[in-house]
Amino acid sequence: MSDSASPSLHRLIDANLNRLREGLRVLEDIQRYLFDDEASARRFKRLRHSLQTAYDPARLIHRDIQGDVLKASTPSEMQRTDIRDLMIANFSRAQESARVLEESFKIEDQALSSLFKNVRYELYTLEKDLLGRPEKKSSSNSR
C-alpha cells in the first residue's frame, strides 16, 4: 500500500475490491451450482484469485461502513426476476468496480491498474459468452 495515497483513496479501493470479489463469487457460484458449468466457474474463480495481489489488510483501517452515505439498497437493487437478471446485475457490479480500481490504481500502482483493465475485459468476454447466447425455451413453452 502506498503511503502517499489518501485515506479516502484507500477506502475507495477497499470498497471496490470487496464489490468486485463479491460480484465474481456470485457469478462463479451460479455457473458452478446452477448450471454445472465447470469451465465458466473456473474462469470466474481464476479472476477472483487474481485480485489477491491488490489486497492489503492495511486498508481495513480506512473502511467506514457506518459512514457510507449510500449504504442502503435502492428498490432496483432488490428486484431480480430470474437468474439472468442476477447475472446481469453482478456482471455490471464487477465491471464497474474493475473500472474504478483500474482508474484508482493509476495513482498508486500502474501494474495493478493494468491487472484491473484485464479483469474488466475478461468480464466483458464472459458476459458475451454467457449472456449473449440465445435463451433456451423450456419444453412446456414449445408445445
Protein backbone atom coordinates (compact mmCIF):
# COMPACT_ATOMS: atom_id res chain seq x y z
CA MET A 1 0.00 0.00 0.00
CA SER A 2 1.35 3.39 -0.96
CA ASP A 3 1.86 5.82 1.90
CA SER A 4 1.26 8.74 -0.46
CA ALA A 5 -2.35 7.76 -1.24
CA SER A 6 -5.05 9.44 0.80
CA PRO A 7 -7.19 7.56 3.31
CA SER A 8 -10.16 8.25 1.04
CA LEU A 9 -8.42 6.58 -1.89
CA HIS A 10 -7.67 3.55 0.27
CA ARG A 11 -11.35 3.45 1.30
CA LEU A 12 -12.39 3.64 -2.37
CA ILE A 13 -10.03 0.81 -3.31
CA ASP A 14 -11.14 -1.36 -0.38
CA ALA A 15 -14.84 -0.92 -1.18
CA ASN A 16 -14.36 -1.70 -4.85
CA LEU A 17 -12.15 -4.73 -4.22
CA ASN A 18 -14.90 -6.10 -1.98
CA ARG A 19 -17.60 -5.31 -4.55
CA LEU A 20 -15.60 -6.93 -7.36
CA ARG A 21 -14.84 -10.09 -5.36
CA GLU A 22 -18.48 -10.39 -4.30
CA GLY A 23 -19.77 -10.00 -7.86
CA LEU A 24 -17.30 -12.57 -9.14
CA ARG A 25 -18.29 -15.01 -6.39
CA VAL A 26 -21.99 -14.72 -7.24
CA LEU A 27 -21.25 -15.34 -10.93
CA GLU A 28 -18.89 -18.21 -10.12
CA ASP A 29 -21.42 -19.91 -7.88
CA ILE A 30 -24.23 -19.55 -10.42
CA GLN A 31 -22.08 -21.29 -13.02
CA ARG A 32 -20.94 -23.91 -10.51
CA TYR A 33 -24.13 -24.79 -8.67
CA LEU A 34 -26.98 -23.83 -11.01
CA PHE A 35 -25.51 -24.63 -14.42
CA ASP A 36 -22.81 -27.19 -13.52
CA ASP A 37 -20.54 -25.27 -15.91
CA GLU A 38 -17.09 -26.12 -14.62
CA ALA A 39 -15.18 -24.21 -17.30
CA SER A 40 -17.02 -20.92 -16.68
CA ALA A 41 -16.90 -21.35 -12.90
CA ARG A 42 -13.14 -21.83 -13.12
CA ARG A 43 -12.76 -18.66 -15.22
CA PHE A 44 -14.56 -16.65 -12.54
CA LYS A 45 -12.56 -18.33 -9.78
CA ARG A 46 -9.28 -17.59 -11.57
CA LEU A 47 -10.30 -13.93 -11.93
CA ARG A 48 -11.29 -13.74 -8.27
CA HIS A 49 -7.97 -15.23 -7.17
CA SER A 50 -6.02 -12.82 -9.42
CA LEU A 51 -7.27 -9.95 -7.25
CA GLN A 52 -5.30 -11.18 -4.25
CA THR A 53 -2.22 -9.24 -5.35
CA ALA A 54 -4.14 -5.99 -4.79
CA TYR A 55 -5.42 -6.92 -1.34
CA ASP A 56 -3.74 -5.15 1.55
CA PRO A 57 -5.08 -5.60 5.10
CA ALA A 58 -3.66 -2.18 5.99
CA ARG A 59 -6.57 -0.66 4.04
CA LEU A 60 -9.04 -2.05 6.57
CA ILE A 61 -8.42 0.88 8.90
CA HIS A 62 -9.95 3.12 6.22
CA ARG A 63 -13.16 1.05 5.95
CA ASP A 64 -16.14 3.06 7.21
CA ILE A 65 -19.35 1.11 6.76
CA GLN A 66 -21.31 3.25 9.23
CA GLY A 67 -20.22 6.40 7.41
CA ASP A 68 -21.17 5.16 3.95
CA VAL A 69 -23.70 7.67 2.65
CA LEU A 70 -25.18 5.20 0.11
CA LYS A 71 -25.19 2.05 2.24
CA ALA A 72 -28.94 1.43 1.95
CA SER A 73 -30.15 -0.60 -1.03
CA THR A 74 -32.23 1.09 -3.68
CA PRO A 75 -35.50 -0.51 -4.83
CA SER A 76 -33.94 -1.57 -8.16
CA GLU A 77 -31.21 -3.45 -6.28
CA MET A 78 -33.87 -5.52 -4.56
CA GLN A 79 -35.65 -6.61 -7.74
CA ARG A 80 -34.38 -9.65 -9.57
CA THR A 81 -36.86 -11.74 -11.52
CA ASP A 82 -34.62 -14.62 -12.55
CA ILE A 83 -31.04 -15.92 -12.69
CA ARG A 84 -30.34 -13.92 -15.86
CA ASP A 85 -31.22 -10.68 -14.01
CA LEU A 86 -28.95 -11.75 -11.17
CA MET A 87 -26.11 -12.40 -13.62
CA ILE A 88 -26.63 -9.06 -15.39
CA ALA A 89 -26.55 -7.20 -12.07
CA ASN A 90 -23.40 -8.95 -10.93
CA PHE A 91 -21.61 -8.53 -14.26
CA SER A 92 -22.37 -4.81 -14.02
CA ARG A 93 -21.23 -4.66 -10.40
CA ALA A 94 -17.97 -6.42 -11.20
CA GLN A 95 -17.23 -4.47 -14.40
CA GLU A 96 -17.90 -1.11 -12.76
CA SER A 97 -15.72 -2.00 -9.77
CA ALA A 98 -12.92 -3.17 -12.04
CA ARG A 99 -13.07 0.19 -13.85
CA VAL A 100 -12.91 2.15 -10.58
CA LEU A 101 -9.93 0.05 -9.49
CA GLU A 102 -8.22 0.45 -12.85
CA GLU A 103 -8.51 4.22 -12.56
CA SER A 104 -7.64 4.38 -8.84
CA PHE A 105 -4.51 2.29 -9.20
CA LYS A 106 -3.23 4.66 -11.89
CA ILE A 107 -2.39 6.86 -8.91
CA GLU A 108 -0.97 4.14 -6.72
CA ASP A 109 0.35 1.23 -8.82
CA GLN A 110 0.43 1.06 -12.64
CA ALA A 111 0.81 -2.73 -12.69
CA LEU A 112 -2.35 -3.16 -10.64
CA SER A 113 -4.13 -0.69 -12.89
CA SER A 114 -3.29 -2.97 -15.83
CA LEU A 115 -4.49 -6.01 -13.89
CA PHE A 116 -7.92 -4.46 -13.38
CA LYS A 117 -8.13 -3.39 -17.01
CA ASN A 118 -7.51 -7.02 -17.98
CA VAL A 119 -10.09 -8.23 -15.44
CA ARG A 120 -12.65 -5.82 -16.88
CA TYR A 121 -12.06 -7.01 -20.45
CA GLU A 122 -12.25 -10.65 -19.37
CA LEU A 123 -15.60 -9.86 -17.74
CA TYR A 124 -16.86 -8.32 -20.99
CA THR A 125 -15.87 -11.54 -22.78
CA LEU A 126 -17.51 -13.76 -20.16
CA GLU A 127 -20.65 -11.65 -20.30
CA LYS A 128 -20.87 -12.08 -24.07
CA ASP A 129 -20.13 -15.79 -23.82
CA LEU A 130 -22.72 -16.45 -21.11
CA LEU A 131 -25.46 -13.90 -21.78
CA GLY A 132 -25.02 -13.30 -25.48
CA ARG A 133 -26.22 -16.72 -26.46
CA PRO A 134 -29.92 -17.21 -27.25
CA GLU A 135 -32.07 -18.27 -24.33
CA LYS A 136 -33.31 -21.83 -24.41
CA LYS A 137 -37.06 -22.25 -24.44
CA SER A 138 -38.42 -24.73 -21.96
CA SER A 139 -40.26 -27.77 -23.32
CA SER A 140 -43.52 -26.52 -21.80
CA ASN A 141 -43.31 -23.33 -23.90
CA SER A 142 -42.74 -25.19 -27.14
CA ARG A 143 -45.98 -27.19 -27.02
